[in-house]
């Protein structure tokens, strides 16, 4: 007896945060004070990336830039304040969110 198998149609993969990176992304260091953004990627060493993830700064996280004094960026991440050096903030790609 022949058993007919129907092929299931493959659904397209759901869009990811990284898919939005093609348009309008910038580094965290380029954001002005008062800006809100979504983190797209963290391009730093494994140790730094692990520590940032532990602090809540990972892909998909919403951040608010509180201030940008010389050589650092002050952020609000999930209710906590975080200060990042200029090298680390330049290694984080974000997508600014319109207010």
PDB file of N, CA and C in Angstrom:
ATOM      1  N   UNK A   1       0.840  -1.163   0.000  1.00  0.00           N
ATOM      2  CA  UNK A   1       0.000   0.000   0.000  1.00  0.00           C
ATOM      3  C   UNK A   1       0.894   1.238   0.000  1.00  0.00           C
ATOM      4  N   UNK A   2       0.581   2.127  -0.869  1.00  0.00           N
ATOM      5  CA  UNK A   2       1.340   3.365  -0.972  1.00  0.00           C
ATOM      6  C   UNK A   2       0.828   4.381   0.029  1.00  0.00           C
ATOM      7  N   UNK A   3       1.755   4.952   0.658  1.00  0.00           N
ATOM      8  CA  UNK A   3       1.368   5.991   1.619  1.00  0.00           C
ATOM      9  C   UNK A   3       1.865   7.322   1.081  1.00  0.00           C
ATOM     10  N   UNK A   4       0.959   8.202   0.891  1.00  0.00           N
ATOM     11  CA  UNK A   4       1.322   9.508   0.356  1.00  0.00           C
ATOM     12  C   UNK A   4       1.658  10.451   1.502  1.00  0.00           C
ATOM     13  N   UNK A   5       2.799  11.017   1.392  1.00  0.00           N
ATOM     14  CA  UNK A   5       3.223  11.975   2.407  1.00  0.00           C
ATOM     15  C   UNK A   5       3.081  13.379   1.852  1.00  0.00           C
ATOM     16  N   UNK A   6       2.391  14.152   2.551  1.00  0.00           N
ATOM     17  CA  UNK A   6       2.274  15.543   2.103  1.00  0.00           C
ATOM     18  C   UNK A   6       3.456  16.337   2.640  1.00  0.00           C
ATOM     19  N   UNK A   7       3.941  17.185   1.826  1.00  0.00           N
ATOM     20  CA  UNK A   7       5.052  18.028   2.250  1.00  0.00           C
ATOM     21  C   UNK A   7       4.508  19.249   2.973  1.00  0.00           C
ATOM     22  N   UNK A   8       5.103  19.487   4.080  1.00  0.00           N
ATOM     23  CA  UNK A   8       4.716  20.683   4.818  1.00  0.00           C
ATOM     24  C   UNK A   8       5.442  21.879   4.235  1.00  0.00           C
ATOM     25  N   UNK A   9       4.726  22.947   4.116  1.00  0.00           N
ATOM     26  CA  UNK A   9       5.358  24.163   3.621  1.00  0.00           C
ATOM     27  C   UNK A   9       6.198  24.760   4.733  1.00  0.00           C
ATOM     28  N   UNK A  10       7.384  25.155   4.372  1.00  0.00           N
ATOM     29  CA  UNK A  10       8.258  25.789   5.353  1.00  0.00           C
ATOM     30  C   UNK A  10       7.890  27.256   5.473  1.00  0.00           C
ATOM     31  N   UNK A  11       7.693  27.660   6.683  1.00  0.00           N
ATOM     32  CA  UNK A  11       7.422  29.068   6.929  1.00  0.00           C
ATOM     33  C   UNK A  11       8.739  29.819   6.996  1.00  0.00           C
ATOM     34  N   UNK A  12       8.741  31.074   6.556  1.00  0.00           N
ATOM     35  CA  UNK A  12       9.979  31.849   6.660  1.00  0.00           C
ATOM     36  C   UNK A  12      10.341  32.069   8.120  1.00  0.00           C
ATOM     37  N   UNK A  13      11.629  32.195   8.362  1.00  0.00           N
ATOM     38  CA  UNK A  13      12.101  32.427   9.729  1.00  0.00           C
ATOM     39  C   UNK A  13      11.591  33.770  10.225  1.00  0.00           C
ATOM     40  N   UNK A  14      11.252  33.869  11.502  1.00  0.00           N
ATOM     41  CA  UNK A  14      10.789  35.148  12.029  1.00  0.00           C
ATOM     42  C   UNK A  14      11.916  36.170  11.982  1.00  0.00           C
ATOM     43  N   UNK A  15      11.575  37.437  11.793  1.00  0.00           N
ATOM     44  CA  UNK A  15      12.619  38.457  11.737  1.00  0.00           C
ATOM     45  C   UNK A  15      13.335  38.559  13.075  1.00  0.00           C
ATOM     46  N   UNK A  16      14.604  38.837  13.010  1.00  0.00           N
ATOM     47  CA  UNK A  16      15.403  38.992  14.217  1.00  0.00           C
ATOM     48  C   UNK A  16      15.806  40.444  14.368  1.00  0.00           C
ATOM     49  N   UNK A  17      16.351  40.755  15.520  1.00  0.00           N
ATOM     50  CA  UNK A  17      16.821  42.112  15.763  1.00  0.00           C
ATOM     51  C   UNK A  17      17.935  42.454  14.788  1.00  0.00           C
ATOM     52  N   UNK A  18      18.790  41.479  14.474  1.00  0.00           N
ATOM     53  CA  UNK A  18      19.911  41.729  13.568  1.00  0.00           C
ATOM     54  C   UNK A  18      19.438  42.027  12.152  1.00  0.00           C
ATOM     55  N   UNK A  19      18.234  41.588  11.783  1.00  0.00           N
ATOM     56  CA  UNK A  19      17.721  41.870  10.448  1.00  0.00           C
ATOM     57  C   UNK A  19      17.459  43.358  10.256  1.00  0.00           C
ATOM     58  N   UNK A  20      17.204  44.071  11.332  1.00  0.00           N
ATOM     59  CA  UNK A  20      16.965  45.505  11.246  1.00  0.00           C
ATOM     60  C   UNK A  20      18.255  46.302  11.120  1.00  0.00           C
ATOM     61  N   UNK A  21      19.387  45.647  11.233  1.00  0.00           N
ATOM     62  CA  UNK A  21      20.668  46.346  11.251  1.00  0.00           C
ATOM     63  C   UNK A  21      21.007  47.006   9.925  1.00  0.00           C
ATOM     64  N   UNK A  22      20.368  46.586   8.853  1.00  0.00           N
ATOM     65  CA  UNK A  22      20.715  47.122   7.542  1.00  0.00           C
ATOM     66  C   UNK A  22      20.367  48.597   7.411  1.00  0.00           C
ATOM     67  N   UNK A  23      19.382  49.069   8.119  1.00  0.00           N
ATOM     68  CA  UNK A  23      18.932  50.445   7.964  1.00  0.00           C
ATOM     69  C   UNK A  23      18.978  51.175   9.297  1.00  0.00           C
ATOM     70  N   UNK A  24      19.704  52.266   9.351  1.00  0.00           N
ATOM     71  CA  UNK A  24      19.658  53.157  10.498  1.00  0.00           C
ATOM     72  C   UNK A  24      20.455  52.766  11.717  1.00  0.00           C
ATOM     73  N   UNK A  25      21.306  51.779  11.636  1.00  0.00           N
ATOM     74  CA  UNK A  25      22.065  51.401  12.822  1.00  0.00           C
ATOM     75  C   UNK A  25      23.280  52.299  12.989  1.00  0.00           C
ATOM     76  N   UNK A  26      23.762  52.383  14.226  1.00  0.00           N
ATOM     77  CA  UNK A  26      24.957  53.162  14.543  1.00  0.00           C
ATOM     78  C   UNK A  26      25.595  52.551  15.789  1.00  0.00           C
ATOM     79  N   UNK A  27      26.710  53.105  16.205  1.00  0.00           N
ATOM     80  CA  UNK A  27      27.333  52.612  17.430  1.00  0.00           C
ATOM     81  C   UNK A  27      26.720  53.324  18.625  1.00  0.00           C
ATOM     82  N   UNK A  28      26.869  52.732  19.769  1.00  0.00           N
ATOM     83  CA  UNK A  28      26.357  53.333  20.995  1.00  0.00           C
ATOM     84  C   UNK A  28      27.082  54.636  21.304  1.00  0.00           C
ATOM     85  N   UNK A  29      28.357  54.714  20.928  1.00  0.00           N
ATOM     86  CA  UNK A  29      29.134  55.931  21.159  1.00  0.00           C
ATOM     87  C   UNK A  29      28.603  57.107  20.345  1.00  0.00           C
ATOM     88  N   UNK A  30      27.921  56.838  19.234  1.00  0.00           N
ATOM     89  CA  UNK A  30      27.397  57.902  18.381  1.00  0.00           C
ATOM     90  C   UNK A  30      26.049  58.437  18.852  1.00  0.00           C
ATOM     91  N   UNK A  31      25.419  57.796  19.816  1.00  0.00           N
ATOM     92  CA  UNK A  31      24.111  58.239  20.313  1.00  0.00           C
ATOM     93  C   UNK A  31      24.269  59.420  21.258  1.00  0.00           C
ATOM     94  N   UNK A  32      23.363  60.365  21.136  1.00  0.00           N
ATOM     95  CA  UNK A  32      23.386  61.547  21.995  1.00  0.00           C
ATOM     96  C   UNK A  32      22.659  61.264  23.304  1.00  0.00           C
ATOM     97  N   UNK A  33      22.883  62.121  24.275  1.00  0.00           N
ATOM     98  CA  UNK A  33      22.192  61.991  25.562  1.00  0.00           C
ATOM     99  C   UNK A  33      20.687  62.107  25.337  1.00  0.00           C
ATOM    100  N   UNK A  34      19.928  61.259  25.999  1.00  0.00           N
ATOM    101  CA  UNK A  34      18.483  61.250  25.860  1.00  0.00           C
ATOM    102  C   UNK A  34      17.976  60.282  24.800  1.00  0.00           C
ATOM    103  N   UNK A  35      18.867  59.697  24.026  1.00  0.00           N
ATOM    104  CA  UNK A  35      18.463  58.766  22.964  1.00  0.00           C
ATOM    105  C   UNK A  35      18.084  57.411  23.550  1.00  0.00           C
ATOM    106  N   UNK A  36      17.150  56.751  22.877  1.00  0.00           N
ATOM    107  CA  UNK A  36      16.769  55.384  23.228  1.00  0.00           C
ATOM    108  C   UNK A  36      17.126  54.496  22.051  1.00  0.00           C
ATOM    109  N   UNK A  37      17.571  53.284  22.336  1.00  0.00           N
ATOM    110  CA  UNK A  37      18.010  52.389  21.265  1.00  0.00           C
ATOM    111  C   UNK A  37      17.842  50.937  21.682  1.00  0.00           C
ATOM    112  N   UNK A  38      17.885  50.066  20.688  1.00  0.00           N
ATOM    113  CA  UNK A  38      17.859  48.624  20.896  1.00  0.00           C
ATOM    114  C   UNK A  38      19.206  48.068  20.465  1.00  0.00           C
ATOM    115  N   UNK A  39      19.798  47.239  21.293  1.00  0.00           N
ATOM    116  CA  UNK A  39      21.112  46.671  20.999  1.00  0.00           C
ATOM    117  C   UNK A  39      20.967  45.612  19.907  1.00  0.00           C
ATOM    118  N   UNK A  40      21.773  45.758  18.847  1.00  0.00           N
ATOM    119  CA  UNK A  40      21.766  44.789  17.753  1.00  0.00           C
ATOM    120  C   UNK A  40      22.889  43.775  17.883  1.00  0.00           C
ATOM    121  N   UNK A  41      24.087  44.247  18.237  1.00  0.00           N
ATOM    122  CA  UNK A  41      25.240  43.349  18.332  1.00  0.00           C
ATOM    123  C   UNK A  41      26.284  43.936  19.264  1.00  0.00           C
ATOM    124  N   UNK A  42      27.020  43.046  19.901  1.00  0.00           N
ATOM    125  CA  UNK A  42      28.124  43.440  20.776  1.00  0.00           C
ATOM    126  C   UNK A  42      29.392  42.851  20.167  1.00  0.00           C
ATOM    127  N   UNK A  43      30.271  43.716  19.657  1.00  0.00           N
ATOM    128  CA  UNK A  43      31.490  43.286  18.962  1.00  0.00           C
ATOM    129  C   UNK A  43      32.706  43.543  19.839  1.00  0.00           C
ATOM    130  N   UNK A  44      32.872  42.757  20.868  1.00  0.00           N
ATOM    131  CA  UNK A  44      34.050  42.905  21.725  1.00  0.00           C
ATOM    132  C   UNK A  44      34.527  41.511  22.118  1.00  0.00           C
ATOM    133  N   UNK A  45      35.544  41.449  22.935  1.00  0.00           N
ATOM    134  CA  UNK A  45      36.096  40.167  23.353  1.00  0.00           C
ATOM    135  C   UNK A  45      35.095  39.332  24.129  1.00  0.00           C
ATOM    136  N   UNK A  46      35.367  38.044  24.210  1.00  0.00           N
ATOM    137  CA  UNK A  46      34.443  37.123  24.881  1.00  0.00           C
ATOM    138  C   UNK A  46      34.257  37.463  26.355  1.00  0.00           C
ATOM    139  N   UNK A  47      35.309  37.858  27.033  1.00  0.00           N
ATOM    140  CA  UNK A  47      35.203  38.195  28.457  1.00  0.00           C
ATOM    141  C   UNK A  47      34.333  39.433  28.658  1.00  0.00           C
ATOM    142  N   UNK A  48      34.549  40.458  27.816  1.00  0.00           N
ATOM    143  CA  UNK A  48      33.736  41.673  27.936  1.00  0.00           C
ATOM    144  C   UNK A  48      32.281  41.396  27.582  1.00  0.00           C
ATOM    145  N   UNK A  49      32.058  40.614  26.523  1.00  0.00           N
ATOM    146  CA  UNK A  49      30.693  40.296  26.107  1.00  0.00           C
ATOM    147  C   UNK A  49      29.957  39.507  27.185  1.00  0.00           C
ATOM    148  N   UNK A  50      30.646  38.585  27.841  1.00  0.00           N
ATOM    149  CA  UNK A  50      30.041  37.800  28.919  1.00  0.00           C
ATOM    150  C   UNK A  50      29.651  38.704  30.086  1.00  0.00           C
ATOM    151  N   UNK A  51      30.523  39.625  30.438  1.00  0.00           N
ATOM    152  CA  UNK A  51      30.239  40.550  31.541  1.00  0.00           C
ATOM    153  C   UNK A  51      29.080  41.477  31.188  1.00  0.00           C
ATOM    154  N   UNK A  52      29.039  41.974  29.954  1.00  0.00           N
ATOM    155  CA  UNK A  52      27.945  42.851  29.536  1.00  0.00           C
ATOM    156  C   UNK A  52      26.613  42.104  29.539  1.00  0.00           C
ATOM    157  N   UNK A  53      26.618  40.841  29.111  1.00  0.00           N
ATOM    158  CA  UNK A  53      25.389  40.040  29.163  1.00  0.00           C
ATOM    159  C   UNK A  53      24.923  39.857  30.598  1.00  0.00           C
ATOM    160  N   UNK A  54      25.866  39.659  31.515  1.00  0.00           N
ATOM    161  CA  UNK A  54      25.510  39.498  32.930  1.00  0.00           C
ATOM    162  C   UNK A  54      24.898  40.777  33.493  1.00  0.00           C
ATOM    163  N   UNK A  55      25.301  41.921  32.950  1.00  0.00           N
ATOM    164  CA  UNK A  55      24.755  43.206  33.392  1.00  0.00           C
ATOM    165  C   UNK A  55      23.455  43.566  32.672  1.00  0.00           C
ATOM    166  N   UNK A  56      23.020  42.726  31.726  1.00  0.00           N
ATOM    167  CA  UNK A  56      21.766  42.970  31.022  1.00  0.00           C
ATOM    168  C   UNK A  56      21.920  43.621  29.668  1.00  0.00           C
ATOM    169  N   UNK A  57      23.138  43.887  29.246  1.00  0.00           N
ATOM    170  CA  UNK A  57      23.380  44.538  27.960  1.00  0.00           C
ATOM    171  C   UNK A  57      23.686  43.462  26.923  1.00  0.00           C
ATOM    172  N   UNK A  58      22.627  42.957  26.271  1.00  0.00           N
ATOM    173  CA  UNK A  58      22.781  41.903  25.279  1.00  0.00           C
ATOM    174  C   UNK A  58      21.927  42.247  24.061  1.00  0.00           C
ATOM    175  N   UNK A  59      22.012  41.439  23.020  1.00  0.00           N
ATOM    176  CA  UNK A  59      21.243  41.670  21.817  1.00  0.00           C
ATOM    177  C   UNK A  59      19.754  41.711  22.144  1.00  0.00           C
ATOM    178  N   UNK A  60      19.082  42.745  21.652  1.00  0.00           N
ATOM    179  CA  UNK A  60      17.651  42.899  21.889  1.00  0.00           C
ATOM    180  C   UNK A  60      17.300  43.752  23.090  1.00  0.00           C
ATOM    181  N   UNK A  61      18.269  44.104  23.907  1.00  0.00           N
ATOM    182  CA  UNK A  61      18.004  44.911  25.105  1.00  0.00           C
ATOM    183  C   UNK A  61      17.729  46.362  24.720  1.00  0.00           C
ATOM    184  N   UNK A  62      16.795  46.984  25.425  1.00  0.00           N
ATOM    185  CA  UNK A  62      16.510  48.407  25.231  1.00  0.00           C
ATOM    186  C   UNK A  62      17.366  49.214  26.184  1.00  0.00           C
ATOM    187  N   UNK A  63      18.005  50.258  25.660  1.00  0.00           N
ATOM    188  CA  UNK A  63      18.865  51.108  26.478  1.00  0.00           C
ATOM    189  C   UNK A  63      18.471  52.562  26.283  1.00  0.00           C
ATOM    190  N   UNK A  64      18.716  53.356  27.311  1.00  0.00           N
ATOM    191  CA  UNK A  64      18.544  54.804  27.244  1.00  0.00           C
ATOM    192  C   UNK A  64      19.882  55.436  27.572  1.00  0.00           C
ATOM    193  N   UNK A  65      20.320  56.363  26.730  1.00  0.00           N
ATOM    194  CA  UNK A  65      21.582  57.059  26.977  1.00  0.00           C
ATOM    195  C   UNK A  65      21.286  58.217  27.919  1.00  0.00           C
ATOM    196  N   UNK A  66      21.867  58.170  29.114  1.00  0.00           N
ATOM    197  CA  UNK A  66      21.631  59.209  30.108  1.00  0.00           C
ATOM    198  C   UNK A  66      22.533  60.411  29.902  1.00  0.00           C
ATOM    199  N   UNK A  67      23.806  60.157  29.621  1.00  0.00           N
ATOM    200  CA  UNK A  67      24.768  61.243  29.461  1.00  0.00           C
ATOM    201  C   UNK A  67      25.961  60.722  28.676  1.00  0.00           C
ATOM    202  N   UNK A  68      26.682  61.632  28.044  1.00  0.00           N
ATOM    203  CA  UNK A  68      27.886  61.259  27.301  1.00  0.00           C
ATOM    204  C   UNK A  68      29.028  62.197  27.664  1.00  0.00           C
ATOM    205  N   UNK A  69      29.524  62.118  28.906  1.00  0.00           N
ATOM    206  CA  UNK A  69      30.684  62.934  29.258  1.00  0.00           C
ATOM    207  C   UNK A  69      31.918  62.420  28.524  1.00  0.00           C
ATOM    208  N   UNK A  70      33.034  63.066  28.721  1.00  0.00           N
ATOM    209  CA  UNK A  70      34.248  62.691  27.997  1.00  0.00           C
ATOM    210  C   UNK A  70      34.628  61.235  28.264  1.00  0.00           C
ATOM    211  N   UNK A  71      34.917  60.531  27.213  1.00  0.00           N
ATOM    212  CA  UNK A  71      35.475  59.177  27.246  1.00  0.00           C
ATOM    213  C   UNK A  71      34.581  58.098  27.867  1.00  0.00           C
ATOM    214  N   UNK A  72      33.288  58.347  28.031  1.00  0.00           N
ATOM    215  CA  UNK A  72      32.402  57.286  28.514  1.00  0.00           C
ATOM    216  C   UNK A  72      30.964  57.565  28.102  1.00  0.00           C
ATOM    217  N   UNK A  73      30.117  56.572  28.290  1.00  0.00           N
ATOM    218  CA  UNK A  73      28.691  56.684  28.005  1.00  0.00           C
ATOM    219  C   UNK A  73      27.937  56.147  29.210  1.00  0.00           C
ATOM    220  N   UNK A  74      27.004  56.935  29.733  1.00  0.00           N
ATOM    221  CA  UNK A  74      26.175  56.503  30.859  1.00  0.00           C
ATOM    222  C   UNK A  74      24.837  56.016  30.314  1.00  0.00           C
ATOM    223  N   UNK A  75      24.446  54.797  30.694  1.00  0.00           N
ATOM    224  CA  UNK A  75      23.239  54.162  30.172  1.00  0.00           C
ATOM    225  C   UNK A  75      22.277  53.776  31.275  1.00  0.00           C
ATOM    226  N   UNK A  76      21.030  53.623  30.885  1.00  0.00           N
ATOM    227  CA  UNK A  76      20.034  52.985  31.733  1.00  0.00           C
ATOM    228  C   UNK A  76      19.656  51.693  31.017  1.00  0.00           C
ATOM    229  N   UNK A  77      19.970  50.561  31.644  1.00  0.00           N
ATOM    230  CA  UNK A  77      19.694  49.247  31.064  1.00  0.00           C
ATOM    231  C   UNK A  77      18.865  48.457  32.060  1.00  0.00           C
ATOM    232  N   UNK A  78      17.622  48.174  31.715  1.00  0.00           N
ATOM    233  CA  UNK A  78      16.727  47.382  32.566  1.00  0.00           C
ATOM    234  C   UNK A  78      16.670  47.897  33.997  1.00  0.00           C
ATOM    235  N   UNK A  79      16.601  49.213  34.143  1.00  0.00           N
ATOM    236  CA  UNK A  79      16.463  49.811  35.457  1.00  0.00           C
ATOM    237  C   UNK A  79      17.754  50.058  36.202  1.00  0.00           C
ATOM    238  N   UNK A  80      18.886  49.709  35.620  1.00  0.00           N
ATOM    239  CA  UNK A  80      20.181  49.927  36.262  1.00  0.00           C
ATOM    240  C   UNK A  80      21.002  50.917  35.455  1.00  0.00           C
ATOM    241  N   UNK A  81      21.798  51.707  36.160  1.00  0.00           N
ATOM    242  CA  UNK A  81      22.710  52.629  35.485  1.00  0.00           C
ATOM    243  C   UNK A  81      24.024  51.921  35.231  1.00  0.00           C
ATOM    244  N   UNK A  82      24.576  52.171  34.055  1.00  0.00           N
ATOM    245  CA  UNK A  82      25.795  51.503  33.632  1.00  0.00           C
ATOM    246  C   UNK A  82      26.680  52.509  32.917  1.00  0.00           C
ATOM    247  N   UNK A  83      27.956  52.545  33.258  1.00  0.00           N
ATOM    248  CA  UNK A  83      28.922  53.418  32.588  1.00  0.00           C
ATOM    249  C   UNK A  83      29.850  52.550  31.745  1.00  0.00           C
ATOM    250  N   UNK A  84      29.983  52.907  30.464  1.00  0.00           N
ATOM    251  CA  UNK A  84      30.852  52.172  29.555  1.00  0.00           C
ATOM    252  C   UNK A  84      31.938  53.091  29.026  1.00  0.00           C
ATOM    253  N   UNK A  85      33.132  52.563  28.875  1.00  0.00           N
ATOM    254  CA  UNK A  85      34.218  53.315  28.274  1.00  0.00           C
ATOM    255  C   UNK A  85      33.976  53.517  26.788  1.00  0.00           C
ATOM    256  N   UNK A  86      34.722  54.445  26.206  1.00  0.00           N
ATOM    257  CA  UNK A  86      34.500  54.786  24.803  1.00  0.00           C
ATOM    258  C   UNK A  86      34.800  53.616  23.862  1.00  0.00           C
ATOM    259  N   UNK A  87      35.791  52.799  24.181  1.00  0.00           N
ATOM    260  CA  UNK A  87      36.123  51.665  23.309  1.00  0.00           C
ATOM    261  C   UNK A  87      35.005  50.628  23.298  1.00  0.00           C
ATOM    262  N   UNK A  88      34.432  50.349  24.444  1.00  0.00           N
ATOM    263  CA  UNK A  88      33.342  49.358  24.523  1.00  0.00           C
ATOM    264  C   UNK A  88      32.078  49.917  23.874  1.00  0.00           C
ATOM    265  N   UNK A  89      31.748  51.183  24.141  1.00  0.00           N
ATOM    266  CA  UNK A  89      30.532  51.747  23.555  1.00  0.00           C
ATOM    267  C   UNK A  89      30.653  51.880  22.040  1.00  0.00           C
ATOM    268  N   UNK A  90      31.875  52.013  21.524  1.00  0.00           N
ATOM    269  CA  UNK A  90      32.070  52.052  20.073  1.00  0.00           C
ATOM    270  C   UNK A  90      31.948  50.662  19.455  1.00  0.00           C
ATOM    271  N   UNK A  91      32.048  49.614  20.257  1.00  0.00           N
ATOM    272  CA  UNK A  91      31.961  48.242  19.761  1.00  0.00           C
ATOM    273  C   UNK A  91      30.549  47.678  19.835  1.00  0.00           C
ATOM    274  N   UNK A  92      29.578  48.473  20.279  1.00  0.00           N
ATOM    275  CA  UNK A  92      28.198  48.015  20.409  1.00  0.00           C
ATOM    276  C   UNK A  92      27.360  48.685  19.324  1.00  0.00           C
ATOM    277  N   UNK A  93      26.717  47.879  18.488  1.00  0.00           N
ATOM    278  CA  UNK A  93      25.860  48.391  17.422  1.00  0.00           C
ATOM    279  C   UNK A  93      24.427  48.448  17.926  1.00  0.00           C
ATOM    280  N   UNK A  94      23.780  49.602  17.725  1.00  0.00           N
ATOM    281  CA  UNK A  94      22.408  49.789  18.197  1.00  0.00           C
ATOM    282  C   UNK A  94      21.532  50.314  17.064  1.00  0.00           C
ATOM    283  N   UNK A  95      20.242  50.184  17.261  1.00  0.00           N
ATOM    284  CA  UNK A  95      19.248  50.743  16.358  1.00  0.00           C
ATOM    285  C   UNK A  95      18.470  51.784  17.144  1.00  0.00           C
ATOM    286  N   UNK A  96      18.659  53.076  16.830  1.00  0.00           N
ATOM    287  CA  UNK A  96      17.933  54.118  17.567  1.00  0.00           C
ATOM    288  C   UNK A  96      16.421  53.950  17.416  1.00  0.00           C
ATOM    289  N   UNK A  97      15.703  54.207  18.496  1.00  0.00           N
ATOM    290  CA  UNK A  97      14.251  54.081  18.523  1.00  0.00           C
ATOM    291  C   UNK A  97      13.658  55.478  18.531  1.00  0.00           C
ATOM    292  N   UNK A  98      12.686  55.717  17.656  1.00  0.00           N
ATOM    293  CA  UNK A  98      12.029  57.023  17.619  1.00  0.00           C
ATOM    294  C   UNK A  98      11.167  57.184  18.860  1.00  0.00           C
ATOM    295  N   UNK A  99      11.146  58.383  19.373  1.00  0.00           N
ATOM    296  CA  UNK A  99      10.351  58.634  20.585  1.00  0.00           C
ATOM    297  C   UNK A  99       8.910  58.839  20.268  1.00  0.00           C
TER     298      UNK A  99
END
